[in-house]
PDB file of N, CA and C in Angstrom:
ATOM      1  N   MET A   1     114.990  68.977  99.634  1.00  0.00           N
ATOM      2  CA  MET A   1     113.823  70.289  99.378  1.00  0.00           C
ATOM      3  C   MET A   1     112.709  68.837  99.386  1.00  0.00           C
ATOM      4  N   ILE A   2     111.615  69.648 100.158  1.00  0.00           N
ATOM      5  CA  ILE A   2     110.011  68.383  99.678  1.00  0.00           C
ATOM      6  C   ILE A   2     108.701  69.705  99.010  1.00  0.00           C
ATOM      7  N   LEU A   3     108.765  69.394  98.344  1.00  0.00           N
ATOM      8  CA  LEU A   3     107.637  69.420  97.143  1.00  0.00           C
ATOM      9  C   LEU A   3     106.377  68.484  97.353  1.00  0.00           C
ATOM     10  N   ILE A   4     104.983  70.343  98.261  1.00  0.00           N
ATOM     11  CA  ILE A   4     103.821  69.807  98.391  1.00  0.00           C
ATOM     12  C   ILE A   4     102.813  69.933  97.093  1.00  0.00           C
ATOM     13  N   THR A   5     101.889  69.171  96.779  1.00  0.00           N
ATOM     14  CA  THR A   5     101.676  70.044  95.372  1.00  0.00           C
ATOM     15  C   THR A   5     100.070  69.135  95.896  1.00  0.00           C
ATOM     16  N   GLY A   6      99.084  69.764  95.137  1.00  0.00           N
ATOM     17  CA  GLY A   6      97.338  69.587  95.163  1.00  0.00           C
ATOM     18  C   GLY A   6      96.731  70.777  94.633  1.00  0.00           C
ATOM     19  N   GLY A   7      95.317  70.002  94.293  1.00  0.00           N
ATOM     20  CA  GLY A   7      94.567  71.248  94.270  1.00  0.00           C
ATOM     21  C   GLY A   7      94.370  72.825  94.967  1.00  0.00           C
ATOM     22  N   ALA A   8      93.942  73.579  94.594  1.00  0.00           N
ATOM     23  CA  ALA A   8      93.088  74.408  95.417  1.00  0.00           C
ATOM     24  C   ALA A   8      92.399  73.791  96.392  1.00  0.00           C
ATOM     25  N   PHE A   9      92.608  74.567  97.577  1.00  0.00           N
ATOM     26  CA  PHE A   9      91.800  74.397  99.064  1.00  0.00           C
ATOM     27  C   PHE A   9      91.642  73.204  99.174  1.00  0.00           C
ATOM     28  N   GLN A  10      92.907  72.170  99.050  1.00  0.00           N
ATOM     29  CA  GLN A  10      93.045  70.344  99.398  1.00  0.00           C
ATOM     30  C   GLN A  10      93.641  70.415 100.892  1.00  0.00           C
ATOM     31  N   GLY A  11      93.834  71.475 101.484  1.00  0.00           N
ATOM     32  CA  GLY A  11      94.491  70.850 102.480  1.00  0.00           C
ATOM     33  C   GLY A  11      95.763  71.003 102.812  1.00  0.00           C
ATOM     34  N   LYS A  12      96.808  70.961 101.527  1.00  0.00           N
ATOM     35  CA  LYS A  12      97.856  71.160 101.478  1.00  0.00           C
ATOM     36  C   LYS A  12      98.945  72.273 102.703  1.00  0.00           C
ATOM     37  N   LYS A  13      98.073  73.042 103.052  1.00  0.00           N
ATOM     38  CA  LYS A  13      99.359  74.010 104.136  1.00  0.00           C
ATOM     39  C   LYS A  13      98.704  72.897 105.680  1.00  0.00           C
ATOM     40  N   ALA A  14      98.233  72.948 105.597  1.00  0.00           N
ATOM     41  CA  ALA A  14      97.255  72.315 107.269  1.00  0.00           C
ATOM     42  C   ALA A  14      98.020  70.928 106.760  1.00  0.00           C
ATOM     43  N   TYR A  15      98.317  69.794 105.713  1.00  0.00           N
ATOM     44  CA  TYR A  15      98.708  68.387 106.183  1.00  0.00           C
ATOM     45  C   TYR A  15     100.373  68.931 106.615  1.00  0.00           C
ATOM     46  N   THR A  16     100.902  70.331 105.624  1.00  0.00           N
ATOM     47  CA  THR A  16     102.527  70.310 105.356  1.00  0.00           C
ATOM     48  C   THR A  16     102.964  71.200 107.109  1.00  0.00           C
ATOM     49  N   LYS A  17     101.656  71.592 107.224  1.00  0.00           N
ATOM     50  CA  LYS A  17     102.276  72.264 109.364  1.00  0.00           C
ATOM     51  C   LYS A  17     102.258  70.707 109.692  1.00  0.00           C
ATOM     52  N   GLU A  18     101.421  69.677 109.936  1.00  0.00           N
ATOM     53  CA  GLU A  18     101.425  68.160 110.716  1.00  0.00           C
ATOM     54  C   GLU A  18     102.681  67.902 110.467  1.00  0.00           C
ATOM     55  N   THR A  19     102.355  67.290 109.256  1.00  0.00           N
ATOM     56  CA  THR A  19     103.367  66.391 108.695  1.00  0.00           C
ATOM     57  C   THR A  19     105.216  66.671 109.198  1.00  0.00           C
ATOM     58  N   PHE A  20     105.559  68.496 108.964  1.00  0.00           N
ATOM     59  CA  PHE A  20     106.766  68.446 108.807  1.00  0.00           C
ATOM     60  C   PHE A  20     106.863  68.877 110.338  1.00  0.00           C
ATOM     61  N   SER A  21     105.904  69.437 110.910  1.00  0.00           N
ATOM     62  CA  SER A  21     105.906  70.375 112.481  1.00  0.00           C
ATOM     63  C   SER A  21     106.296  71.939 112.376  1.00  0.00           C
ATOM     64  N   LEU A  22     105.575  72.484 111.693  1.00  0.00           N
ATOM     65  CA  LEU A  22     106.053  73.674 110.929  1.00  0.00           C
ATOM     66  C   LEU A  22     105.354  74.512 111.882  1.00  0.00           C
ATOM     67  N   GLU A  23     105.603  75.926 112.134  1.00  0.00           N
ATOM     68  CA  GLU A  23     104.141  76.937 112.728  1.00  0.00           C
ATOM     69  C   GLU A  23     103.973  77.567 110.920  1.00  0.00           C
ATOM     70  N   GLU A  24     102.726  78.471 111.513  1.00  0.00           N
ATOM     71  CA  GLU A  24     103.058  79.386 110.453  1.00  0.00           C
ATOM     72  C   GLU A  24     104.026  80.140 110.491  1.00  0.00           C
ATOM     73  N   ASP A  25     104.461  81.336 111.185  1.00  0.00           N
ATOM     74  CA  ASP A  25     105.777  81.774 111.283  1.00  0.00           C
ATOM     75  C   ASP A  25     106.582  80.900 110.569  1.00  0.00           C
ATOM     76  N   ASP A  26     106.965  79.906 110.227  1.00  0.00           N
ATOM     77  CA  ASP A  26     107.997  79.505 109.090  1.00  0.00           C
ATOM     78  C   ASP A  26     107.691  79.550 107.930  1.00  0.00           C
ATOM     79  N   PHE A  27     106.586  80.171 107.177  1.00  0.00           N
ATOM     80  CA  PHE A  27     106.067  79.574 106.302  1.00  0.00           C
ATOM     81  C   PHE A  27     106.336  81.794 105.399  1.00  0.00           C
ATOM     82  N   ALA A  28     107.023  81.578 104.590  1.00  0.00           N
ATOM     83  CA  ALA A  28     106.456  82.752 103.439  1.00  0.00           C
ATOM     84  C   ALA A  28     105.487  82.293 102.538  1.00  0.00           C
ATOM     85  N   ASP A  29     104.553  83.328 102.144  1.00  0.00           N
ATOM     86  CA  ASP A  29     103.626  83.502 101.556  1.00  0.00           C
ATOM     87  C   ASP A  29     104.159  83.722  99.738  1.00  0.00           C
ATOM     88  N   GLY A  30     103.705  83.274  99.082  1.00  0.00           N
ATOM     89  CA  GLY A  30     104.378  83.197  97.391  1.00  0.00           C
ATOM     90  C   GLY A  30     103.415  84.258  96.640  1.00  0.00           C
ATOM     91  N   GLY A  31     103.146  84.448  97.495  1.00  0.00           N
ATOM     92  CA  GLY A  31     101.816  85.728  96.751  1.00  0.00           C
ATOM     93  C   GLY A  31     102.111  86.864  96.772  1.00  0.00           C
ATOM     94  N   SER A  32     103.534  87.500  98.075  1.00  0.00           N
ATOM     95  CA  SER A  32     103.554  88.432  98.731  1.00  0.00           C
ATOM     96  C   SER A  32     104.439  88.722  99.073  1.00  0.00           C
ATOM     97  N   CYS A  33     105.517  88.154  99.559  1.00  0.00           N
ATOM     98  CA  CYS A  33     106.446  87.890 100.182  1.00  0.00           C
ATOM     99  C   CYS A  33     107.612  88.618  99.580  1.00  0.00           C
ATOM    100  N   SER A  34     109.207  88.700 100.274  1.00  0.00           N
ATOM    101  CA  SER A  34     109.972  89.563  99.402  1.00  0.00           C
ATOM    102  C   SER A  34     110.612  88.593  98.384  1.00  0.00           C
ATOM    103  N   TRP A  35     111.236  88.938  97.026  1.00  0.00           N
ATOM    104  CA  TRP A  35     111.761  88.044  96.469  1.00  0.00           C
ATOM    105  C   TRP A  35     112.833  87.170  97.057  1.00  0.00           C
ATOM    106  N   ASP A  36     113.434  87.306  98.573  1.00  0.00           N
ATOM    107  CA  ASP A  36     114.126  86.620  99.056  1.00  0.00           C
ATOM    108  C   ASP A  36     114.151  85.235  99.861  1.00  0.00           C
ATOM    109  N   ALA A  37     112.709  85.943 100.039  1.00  0.00           N
ATOM    110  CA  ALA A  37     112.063  84.038 101.007  1.00  0.00           C
ATOM    111  C   ALA A  37     112.350  83.344 100.495  1.00  0.00           C
ATOM    112  N   VAL A  38     111.887  83.054  99.677  1.00  0.00           N
ATOM    113  CA  VAL A  38     111.930  81.565  99.136  1.00  0.00           C
ATOM    114  C   VAL A  38     113.528  80.814  99.249  1.00  0.00           C
ATOM    115  N   TYR A  39     114.845  81.642  99.374  1.00  0.00           N
ATOM    116  CA  TYR A  39     116.086  81.213  99.928  1.00  0.00           C
ATOM    117  C   TYR A  39     116.065  81.312 101.103  1.00  0.00           C
ATOM    118  N   GLU A  40     115.477  82.032 101.926  1.00  0.00           N
ATOM    119  CA  GLU A  40     115.519  82.007 103.326  1.00  0.00           C
ATOM    120  C   GLU A  40     113.978  81.216 104.587  1.00  0.00           C
ATOM    121  N   SER A  41     113.137  81.503 104.385  1.00  0.00           N
ATOM    122  CA  SER A  41     112.070  80.314 104.698  1.00  0.00           C
ATOM    123  C   SER A  41     111.980  78.938 105.125  1.00  0.00           C
ATOM    124  N   ARG A  42     111.334  78.642 106.092  1.00  0.00           N
ATOM    125  CA  ARG A  42     111.785  77.229 105.899  1.00  0.00           C
ATOM    126  C   ARG A  42     110.900  76.608 104.987  1.00  0.00           C
ATOM    127  N   GLY A  43     109.661  76.963 104.984  1.00  0.00           N
ATOM    128  CA  GLY A  43     108.611  76.787 103.592  1.00  0.00           C
ATOM    129  C   GLY A  43     108.149  78.329 103.059  1.00  0.00           C
ATOM    130  N   ILE A  44     107.370  77.478 101.525  1.00  0.00           N
ATOM    131  CA  ILE A  44     106.989  78.511 101.436  1.00  0.00           C
ATOM    132  C   ILE A  44     105.306  78.221 100.792  1.00  0.00           C
ATOM    133  N   PHE A  45     104.880  78.327 100.865  1.00  0.00           N
ATOM    134  CA  PHE A  45     103.475  78.525 100.314  1.00  0.00           C
ATOM    135  C   PHE A  45     101.982  79.405  98.749  1.00  0.00           C
ATOM    136  N   HIS A  46     101.510  78.666  98.250  1.00  0.00           N
ATOM    137  CA  HIS A  46     100.990  79.486  97.138  1.00  0.00           C
ATOM    138  C   HIS A  46     102.904  80.417  96.443  1.00  0.00           C
ATOM    139  N   PHE A  47     103.506  78.833  95.850  1.00  0.00           N
ATOM    140  CA  PHE A  47     104.765  79.040  95.357  1.00  0.00           C
ATOM    141  C   PHE A  47     104.195  79.288  93.960  1.00  0.00           C
ATOM    142  N   HIS A  48     103.317  78.784  92.879  1.00  0.00           N
ATOM    143  CA  HIS A  48     102.418  78.881  92.132  1.00  0.00           C
ATOM    144  C   HIS A  48     102.818  81.184  91.876  1.00  0.00           C
ATOM    145  N   GLU A  49     102.434  81.489  92.765  1.00  0.00           N
ATOM    146  CA  GLU A  49     101.682  82.741  92.917  1.00  0.00           C
ATOM    147  C   GLU A  49     103.301  83.377  93.094  1.00  0.00           C
ATOM    148  N   TYR A  50     104.238  83.121  93.877  1.00  0.00           N
ATOM    149  CA  TYR A  50     105.455  83.785  94.042  1.00  0.00           C
ATOM    150  C   TYR A  50     105.789  83.246  92.292  1.00  0.00           C
ATOM    151  N   ILE A  51     105.768  82.629  91.160  1.00  0.00           N
ATOM    152  CA  ILE A  51     105.848  82.154  89.853  1.00  0.00           C
ATOM    153  C   ILE A  51     105.597  83.207  88.526  1.00  0.00           C
ATOM    154  N   ARG A  52     104.489  83.045  89.382  1.00  0.00           N
ATOM    155  CA  ARG A  52     103.342  84.701  89.128  1.00  0.00           C
ATOM    156  C   ARG A  52     103.581  86.062  88.655  1.00  0.00           C
ATOM    157  N   ARG A  53     103.927  85.993  90.520  1.00  0.00           N
ATOM    158  CA  ARG A  53     105.031  87.434  90.606  1.00  0.00           C
ATOM    159  C   ARG A  53     106.530  87.532  89.593  1.00  0.00           C
ATOM    160  N   CYS A  54     106.835  86.539  89.886  1.00  0.00           N
ATOM    161  CA  CYS A  54     108.144  86.747  89.106  1.00  0.00           C
ATOM    162  C   CYS A  54     107.867  87.453  87.522  1.00  0.00           C
ATOM    163  N   LEU A  55     107.065  86.165  87.188  1.00  0.00           N
ATOM    164  CA  LEU A  55     107.301  86.621  85.482  1.00  0.00           C
ATOM    165  C   LEU A  55     106.782  88.365  84.992  1.00  0.00           C
ATOM    166  N   GLU A  56     105.438  88.262  86.251  1.00  0.00           N
ATOM    167  CA  GLU A  56     104.667  89.812  85.488  1.00  0.00           C
ATOM    168  C   GLU A  56     105.937  91.010  86.169  1.00  0.00           C
ATOM    169  N   ALA A  57     107.221  90.531  86.606  1.00  0.00           N
ATOM    170  CA  ALA A  57     108.001  91.088  86.682  1.00  0.00           C
ATOM    171  C   ALA A  57     109.154  91.589  85.595  1.00  0.00           C
ATOM    172  N   GLY A  58     108.902  90.340  85.112  1.00  0.00           N
ATOM    173  CA  GLY A  58     109.841  90.252  84.074  1.00  0.00           C
ATOM    174  C   GLY A  58     111.178  89.745  84.798  1.00  0.00           C
ATOM    175  N   ARG A  59     111.501  88.998  86.417  1.00  0.00           N
ATOM    176  CA  ARG A  59     112.590  88.544  86.594  1.00  0.00           C
ATOM    177  C   ARG A  59     113.102  86.915  86.036  1.00  0.00           C
ATOM    178  N   ASP A  60     114.166  86.668  85.870  1.00  0.00           N
ATOM    179  CA  ASP A  60     114.659  85.366  85.109  1.00  0.00           C
ATOM    180  C   ASP A  60     114.851  84.630  85.579  1.00  0.00           C
ATOM    181  N   ILE A  61     113.693  83.720  85.413  1.00  0.00           N
ATOM    182  CA  ILE A  61     113.678  82.594  86.866  1.00  0.00           C
ATOM    183  C   ILE A  61     113.685  81.053  86.023  1.00  0.00           C
ATOM    184  N   GLY A  62     115.031  81.263  85.225  1.00  0.00           N
ATOM    185  CA  GLY A  62     115.238  80.290  84.198  1.00  0.00           C
ATOM    186  C   GLY A  62     115.786  79.498  85.287  1.00  0.00           C
ATOM    187  N   THR A  63     116.903  79.835  86.074  1.00  0.00           N
ATOM    188  CA  THR A  63     117.827  79.141  87.078  1.00  0.00           C
ATOM    189  C   THR A  63     116.732  79.275  88.532  1.00  0.00           C
ATOM    190  N   LEU A  64     115.607  79.313  88.132  1.00  0.00           N
ATOM    191  CA  LEU A  64     115.326  79.232  89.869  1.00  0.00           C
ATOM    192  C   LEU A  64     115.464  77.984  90.378  1.00  0.00           C
ATOM    193  N   THR A  65     115.306  76.995  90.111  1.00  0.00           N
ATOM    194  CA  THR A  65     115.248  75.389  90.491  1.00  0.00           C
ATOM    195  C   THR A  65     116.516  74.997  91.471  1.00  0.00           C
ATOM    196  N   GLU A  66     117.913  75.269  90.685  1.00  0.00           N
ATOM    197  CA  GLU A  66     118.918  75.308  90.927  1.00  0.00           C
ATOM    198  C   GLU A  66     119.643  76.266  91.842  1.00  0.00           C
ATOM    199  N   GLU A  67     118.821  77.560  92.613  1.00  0.00           N
ATOM    200  CA  GLU A  67     119.196  78.267  93.144  1.00  0.00           C
ATOM    201  C   GLU A  67     118.107  78.308  94.430  1.00  0.00           C
ATOM    202  N   ILE A  68     117.171  77.308  94.430  1.00  0.00           N
ATOM    203  CA  ILE A  68     116.323  77.544  95.218  1.00  0.00           C
ATOM    204  C   ILE A  68     117.262  76.001  96.555  1.00  0.00           C
ATOM    205  N   LEU A  69     117.733  75.186  95.105  1.00  0.00           N
ATOM    206  CA  LEU A  69     118.509  73.520  95.614  1.00  0.00           C
ATOM    207  C   LEU A  69     119.676  74.052  96.459  1.00  0.00           C
ATOM    208  N   LEU A  70     120.463  75.095  95.939  1.00  0.00           N
ATOM    209  CA  LEU A  70     122.061  75.374  96.346  1.00  0.00           C
ATOM    210  C   LEU A  70     121.722  76.299  97.709  1.00  0.00           C
ATOM    211  N   GLN A  71     121.045  77.275  97.852  1.00  0.00           N
ATOM    212  CA  GLN A  71     120.475  78.417  98.757  1.00  0.00           C
ATOM    213  C   GLN A  71     119.673  78.075  99.953  1.00  0.00           C
ATOM    214  N   ASN A  72     118.890  76.943  99.787  1.00  0.00           N
ATOM    215  CA  ASN A  72     117.776  77.034 100.093  1.00  0.00           C
ATOM    216  C   ASN A  72     117.539  74.860 100.652  1.00  0.00           C
ATOM    217  N   PRO A  73     118.337  74.407 101.137  1.00  0.00           N
ATOM    218  CA  PRO A  73     117.839  73.095 100.656  1.00  0.00           C
ATOM    219  C   PRO A  73     116.696  72.149 101.192  1.00  0.00           C
ATOM    220  N   GLU A  74     117.075  72.582 102.320  1.00  0.00           N
ATOM    221  CA  GLU A  74     115.737  72.331 103.248  1.00  0.00           C
ATOM    222  C   GLU A  74     114.377  72.468 103.381  1.00  0.00           C
ATOM    223  N   ILE A  75     114.356  73.594 102.452  1.00  0.00           N
ATOM    224  CA  ILE A  75     112.981  73.960 102.000  1.00  0.00           C
ATOM    225  C   ILE A  75     111.669  73.745 101.900  1.00  0.00           C
ATOM    226  N   VAL A  76     110.518  73.885 102.202  1.00  0.00           N
ATOM    227  CA  VAL A  76     109.482  72.556 101.843  1.00  0.00           C
ATOM    228  C   VAL A  76     108.856  73.657 101.251  1.00  0.00           C
ATOM    229  N   ILE A  77     108.277  72.938  99.817  1.00  0.00           N
ATOM    230  CA  ILE A  77     107.702  74.220  99.088  1.00  0.00           C
ATOM    231  C   ILE A  77     106.219  73.794  98.767  1.00  0.00           C
ATOM    232  N   VAL A  78     105.408  74.385  98.897  1.00  0.00           N
ATOM    233  CA  VAL A  78     103.464  73.979  98.608  1.00  0.00           C
ATOM    234  C   VAL A  78     103.284  74.523  97.457  1.00  0.00           C
ATOM    235  N   VAL A  79     102.664  73.813  96.271  1.00  0.00           N
ATOM    236  CA  VAL A  79     102.351  74.741  94.941  1.00  0.00           C
ATOM    237  C   VAL A  79     101.042  73.672  94.266  1.00  0.00           C
ATOM    238  N   ASN A  80     100.083  74.817  94.216  1.00  0.00           N
ATOM    239  CA  ASN A  80      98.936  74.396  93.603  1.00  0.00           C
ATOM    240  C   ASN A  80      99.550  73.881  91.870  1.00  0.00           C
ATOM    241  N   GLU A  81      98.607  72.513  92.379  1.00  0.00           N
ATOM    242  CA  GLU A  81      98.745  71.733  90.276  1.00  0.00           C
ATOM    243  C   GLU A  81      97.778  72.588  89.431  1.00  0.00           C
ATOM    244  N   LEU A  82      98.269  73.109  88.437  1.00  0.00           N
ATOM    245  CA  LEU A  82      97.539  74.034  87.646  1.00  0.00           C
ATOM    246  C   LEU A  82      97.454  73.669  86.459  1.00  0.00           C
ATOM    247  N   GLY A  83      97.989  72.396  86.019  1.00  0.00           N
ATOM    248  CA  GLY A  83      97.541  71.651  84.450  1.00  0.00           C
ATOM    249  C   GLY A  83      96.569  71.481  84.247  1.00  0.00           C
ATOM    250  N   SER A  84      96.037  71.057  85.313  1.00  0.00           N
ATOM    251  CA  SER A  84      94.398  70.174  85.207  1.00  0.00           C
ATOM    252  C   SER A  84      93.165  70.776  84.815  1.00  0.00           C
ATOM    253  N   GLY A  85      92.820  70.961  84.195  1.00  0.00           N
ATOM    254  CA  GLY A  85      91.555  71.576  83.414  1.00  0.00           C
ATOM    255  C   GLY A  85      91.484  72.899  82.300  1.00  0.00           C
ATOM    256  N   VAL A  86      90.912  73.593  81.793  1.00  0.00           N
ATOM    257  CA  VAL A  86      90.285  73.944  80.566  1.00  0.00           C
ATOM    258  C   VAL A  86      92.232  74.814  80.229  1.00  0.00           C
ATOM    259  N   VAL A  87      92.316  75.498  79.241  1.00  0.00           N
ATOM    260  CA  VAL A  87      93.977  75.449  78.777  1.00  0.00           C
ATOM    261  C   VAL A  87      93.248  77.492  78.382  1.00  0.00           C
ATOM    262  N   PRO A  88      94.594  78.063  79.500  1.00  0.00           N
ATOM    263  CA  PRO A  88      93.828  79.405  78.987  1.00  0.00           C
ATOM    264  C   PRO A  88      93.851  79.666  78.341  1.00  0.00           C
ATOM    265  N   VAL A  89      93.024  81.172  77.953  1.00  0.00           N
ATOM    266  CA  VAL A  89      92.572  81.519  76.644  1.00  0.00           C
ATOM    267  C   VAL A  89      94.161  82.813  76.251  1.00  0.00           C
ATOM    268  N   ASP A  90      94.458  83.189  77.097  1.00  0.00           N
ATOM    269  CA  ASP A  90      95.264  84.418  77.371  1.00  0.00           C
ATOM    270  C   ASP A  90      96.625  84.003  77.874  1.00  0.00           C
ATOM    271  N   ALA A  91      97.761  84.539  76.567  1.00  0.00           N
ATOM    272  CA  ALA A  91      98.529  83.732  76.497  1.00  0.00           C
ATOM    273  C   ALA A  91      99.675  84.533  77.075  1.00  0.00           C
ATOM    274  N   PHE A  92      99.054  85.491  78.919  1.00  0.00           N
ATOM    275  CA  PHE A  92     100.182  85.344  79.640  1.00  0.00           C
ATOM    276  C   PHE A  92      99.879  84.235  80.387  1.00  0.00           C
ATOM    277  N   ASP A  93      98.812  84.009  80.297  1.00  0.00           N
ATOM    278  CA  ASP A  93      97.822  82.197  81.680  1.00  0.00           C
ATOM    279  C   ASP A  93      98.695  81.570  81.481  1.00  0.00           C
ATOM    280  N   ARG A  94      98.589  81.274  80.107  1.00  0.00           N
ATOM    281  CA  ARG A  94      99.442  79.451  79.594  1.00  0.00           C
ATOM    282  C   ARG A  94     100.599  79.687  79.704  1.00  0.00           C
ATOM    283  N   GLU A  95     101.270  81.279  79.377  1.00  0.00           N
ATOM    284  CA  GLU A  95     102.919  81.048  79.617  1.00  0.00           C
ATOM    285  C   GLU A  95     103.324  80.702  81.179  1.00  0.00           C
ATOM    286  N   TYR A  96     102.472  81.256  81.815  1.00  0.00           N
ATOM    287  CA  TYR A  96     102.614  81.073  83.473  1.00  0.00           C
ATOM    288  C   TYR A  96     102.298  79.722  83.762  1.00  0.00           C
ATOM    289  N   ARG A  97     101.064  79.119  83.372  1.00  0.00           N
ATOM    290  CA  ARG A  97     100.495  77.654  83.543  1.00  0.00           C
ATOM    291  C   ARG A  97     102.233  76.640  83.315  1.00  0.00           C
ATOM    292  N   GLU A  98     102.618  77.200  81.700  1.00  0.00           N
ATOM    293  CA  GLU A  98     103.208  76.337  81.207  1.00  0.00           C
ATOM    294  C   GLU A  98     104.567  75.822  82.227  1.00  0.00           C
ATOM    295  N   THR A  99     105.148  77.474  82.627  1.00  0.00           N
ATOM    296  CA  THR A  99     106.337  77.487  83.355  1.00  0.00           C
ATOM    297  C   THR A  99     106.069  76.648  84.678  1.00  0.00           C
ATOM    298  N   THR A 100     105.294  77.226  85.036  1.00  0.00           N
ATOM    299  CA  THR A 100     104.759  76.450  86.678  1.00  0.00           C
ATOM    300  C   THR A 100     104.784  75.386  86.780  1.00  0.00           C
ATOM    301  N   GLY A 101     104.402  74.430  85.339  1.00  0.00           N
ATOM    302  CA  GLY A 101     104.366  72.797  85.060  1.00  0.00           C
ATOM    303  C   GLY A 101     105.730  72.762  85.652  1.00  0.00           C
ATOM    304  N   ARG A 102     106.502  73.850  84.555  1.00  0.00           N
ATOM    305  CA  ARG A 102     108.234  73.369  84.161  1.00  0.00           C
ATOM    306  C   ARG A 102     108.844  72.974  85.429  1.00  0.00           C
ATOM    307  N   ILE A 103     108.585  74.280  86.022  1.00  0.00           N
ATOM    308  CA  ILE A 103     109.571  74.448  87.462  1.00  0.00           C
ATOM    309  C   ILE A 103     108.910  73.720  88.305  1.00  0.00           C
ATOM    310  N   CYS A 104     108.015  72.675  88.338  1.00  0.00           N
ATOM    311  CA  CYS A 104     108.050  72.387  89.630  1.00  0.00           C
ATOM    312  C   CYS A 104     108.191  70.424  89.270  1.00  0.00           C
ATOM    313  N   CYS A 105     107.674  70.272  87.590  1.00  0.00           N
ATOM    314  CA  CYS A 105     108.405  68.924  87.487  1.00  0.00           C
ATOM    315  C   CYS A 105     110.183  69.181  87.418  1.00  0.00           C
ATOM    316  N   ALA A 106     111.070  70.274  87.414  1.00  0.00           N
ATOM    317  CA  ALA A 106     112.205  70.077  88.273  1.00  0.00           C
ATOM    318  C   ALA A 106     112.376  70.066  89.781  1.00  0.00           C
ATOM    319  N   LEU A 107     111.771  70.391  89.973  1.00  0.00           N
ATOM    320  CA  LEU A 107     111.611  70.538  91.733  1.00  0.00           C
ATOM    321  C   LEU A 107     111.230  68.987  92.259  1.00  0.00           C
ATOM    322  N   ALA A 108     110.332  68.688  91.893  1.00  0.00           N
ATOM    323  CA  ALA A 108     109.717  67.623  91.808  1.00  0.00           C
ATOM    324  C   ALA A 108     111.091  66.076  91.697  1.00  0.00           C
ATOM    325  N   LYS A 109     112.010  66.473  90.404  1.00  0.00           N
ATOM    326  CA  LYS A 109     112.776  65.630  90.280  1.00  0.00           C
ATOM    327  C   LYS A 109     114.233  65.788  90.838  1.00  0.00           C
ATOM    328  N   LYS A 110     114.825  66.956  92.126  1.00  0.00           N
ATOM    329  CA  LYS A 110     115.363  66.880  92.295  1.00  0.00           C
ATOM    330  C   LYS A 110     115.259  67.265  93.990  1.00  0.00           C
ATOM    331  N   ALA A 111     114.137  67.033  94.184  1.00  0.00           N
ATOM    332  CA  ALA A 111     113.434  66.441  95.502  1.00  0.00           C
ATOM    333  C   ALA A 111     113.624  65.752  96.156  1.00  0.00           C
ATOM    334  N   ARG A 112     114.092  65.634  97.849  1.00  0.00           N
ATOM    335  CA  ARG A 112     114.132  64.538  98.410  1.00  0.00           C
ATOM    336  C   ARG A 112     112.815  63.682  98.845  1.00  0.00           C
ATOM    337  N   GLU A 113     111.503  64.507  98.384  1.00  0.00           N
ATOM    338  CA  GLU A 113     110.395  63.782  98.646  1.00  0.00           C
ATOM    339  C   GLU A 113     109.381  64.619  98.026  1.00  0.00           C
ATOM    340  N   VAL A 114     108.257  63.858  97.318  1.00  0.00           N
ATOM    341  CA  VAL A 114     106.745  64.326  97.176  1.00  0.00           C
ATOM    342  C   VAL A 114     105.913  63.950  97.297  1.00  0.00           C
ATOM    343  N   HIS A 115     104.976  65.445  98.162  1.00  0.00           N
ATOM    344  CA  HIS A 115     103.336  64.224  98.261  1.00  0.00           C
ATOM    345  C   HIS A 115     102.476  65.226  97.214  1.00  0.00           C
ATOM    346  N   ARG A 116     101.246  63.963  97.486  1.00  0.00           N
ATOM    347  CA  ARG A 116     100.457  65.151  96.902  1.00  0.00           C
ATOM    348  C   ARG A 116      99.296  65.385  97.903  1.00  0.00           C
ATOM    349  N   VAL A 117      98.280  66.119  98.131  1.00  0.00           N
ATOM    350  CA  VAL A 117      97.314  66.455  99.040  1.00  0.00           C
ATOM    351  C   VAL A 117      95.433  66.250  98.419  1.00  0.00           C
ATOM    352  N   ILE A 118      95.193  65.274  98.723  1.00  0.00           N
ATOM    353  CA  ILE A 118      93.706  65.539  98.263  1.00  0.00           C
ATOM    354  C   ILE A 118      92.825  65.480  99.118  1.00  0.00           C
ATOM    355  N   CYS A 119      91.950  66.424  99.442  1.00  0.00           N
ATOM    356  CA  CYS A 119      90.985  66.413 100.156  1.00  0.00           C
ATOM    357  C   CYS A 119      91.596  66.102 101.889  1.00  0.00           C
ATOM    358  N   GLY A 120      92.859  66.688 101.928  1.00  0.00           N
ATOM    359  CA  GLY A 120      93.420  66.431 103.739  1.00  0.00           C
ATOM    360  C   GLY A 120      94.273  65.439 104.049  1.00  0.00           C
ATOM    361  N   ILE A 121      94.448  64.640 102.538  1.00  0.00           N
ATOM    362  CA  ILE A 121      94.732  63.795 102.763  1.00  0.00           C
ATOM    363  C   ILE A 121      96.230  63.468 101.797  1.00  0.00           C
ATOM    364  N   GLY A 122      97.284  63.494 102.411  1.00  0.00           N
ATOM    365  CA  GLY A 122      98.401  63.585 101.274  1.00  0.00           C
ATOM    366  C   GLY A 122      98.584  61.669 100.856  1.00  0.00           C
ATOM    367  N   THR A 123      99.546  61.937 100.198  1.00  0.00           N
ATOM    368  CA  THR A 123     100.312  60.646  99.457  1.00  0.00           C
ATOM    369  C   THR A 123     101.379  60.761  98.937  1.00  0.00           C
ATOM    370  N   VAL A 124     102.338  60.253  99.498  1.00  0.00           N
ATOM    371  CA  VAL A 124     103.679  60.116  98.991  1.00  0.00           C
ATOM    372  C   VAL A 124     103.987  59.665  97.572  1.00  0.00           C
ATOM    373  N   ILE A 125     104.453  60.673  97.173  1.00  0.00           N
ATOM    374  CA  ILE A 125     103.709  59.816  95.546  1.00  0.00           C
ATOM    375  C   ILE A 125     106.125  59.597  95.280  1.00  0.00           C
ATOM    376  N   LYS A 126     107.172  60.259  95.301  1.00  0.00           N
ATOM    377  CA  LYS A 126     108.310  60.315  95.688  1.00  0.00           C
ATOM    378  C   LYS A 126     109.261  60.287  97.340  1.00  0.00           C
ATOM    379  N   HIS A 127     109.649  58.978  97.200  1.00  0.00           N
ATOM    380  CA  HIS A 127     110.214  58.883  98.831  1.00  0.00           C
ATOM    381  C   HIS A 127     111.670  58.695  98.434  1.00  0.00           C
ATOM    382  N   GLY A 128     113.035  58.914  98.949  1.00  0.00           N
ATOM    383  CA  GLY A 128     114.039  58.865  98.829  1.00  0.00           C
ATOM    384  C   GLY A 128     115.187  60.121  98.449  1.00  0.00           C
TER     385      GLY A 128
END
């Protein structure tokens, strides 16, 4: 599994497509895809939105990291960094931000590679 992270609108998807030779059709959109898409697609972008949708729907995501690694170990996950900035006032938004951060930490720990993209330039922050 490969994790690509960075701020919103920083060119993560374009970087991912070019770096890993993926096409638009290889990706699921976490904001609107089926629940199973994360286990079936070569890549998923807006993974943070997938997590938000899971929380809003009351889905159990306690084992999401393990399930992804077991069912789709070659997936490329593209996610926005959410933890840099003002802490949300709304309790749900705080839970969403914290949950996304914890899931991304777990994914990064298990990932083969982690890349951070800023201004369209990717930096490998974990390799091996």
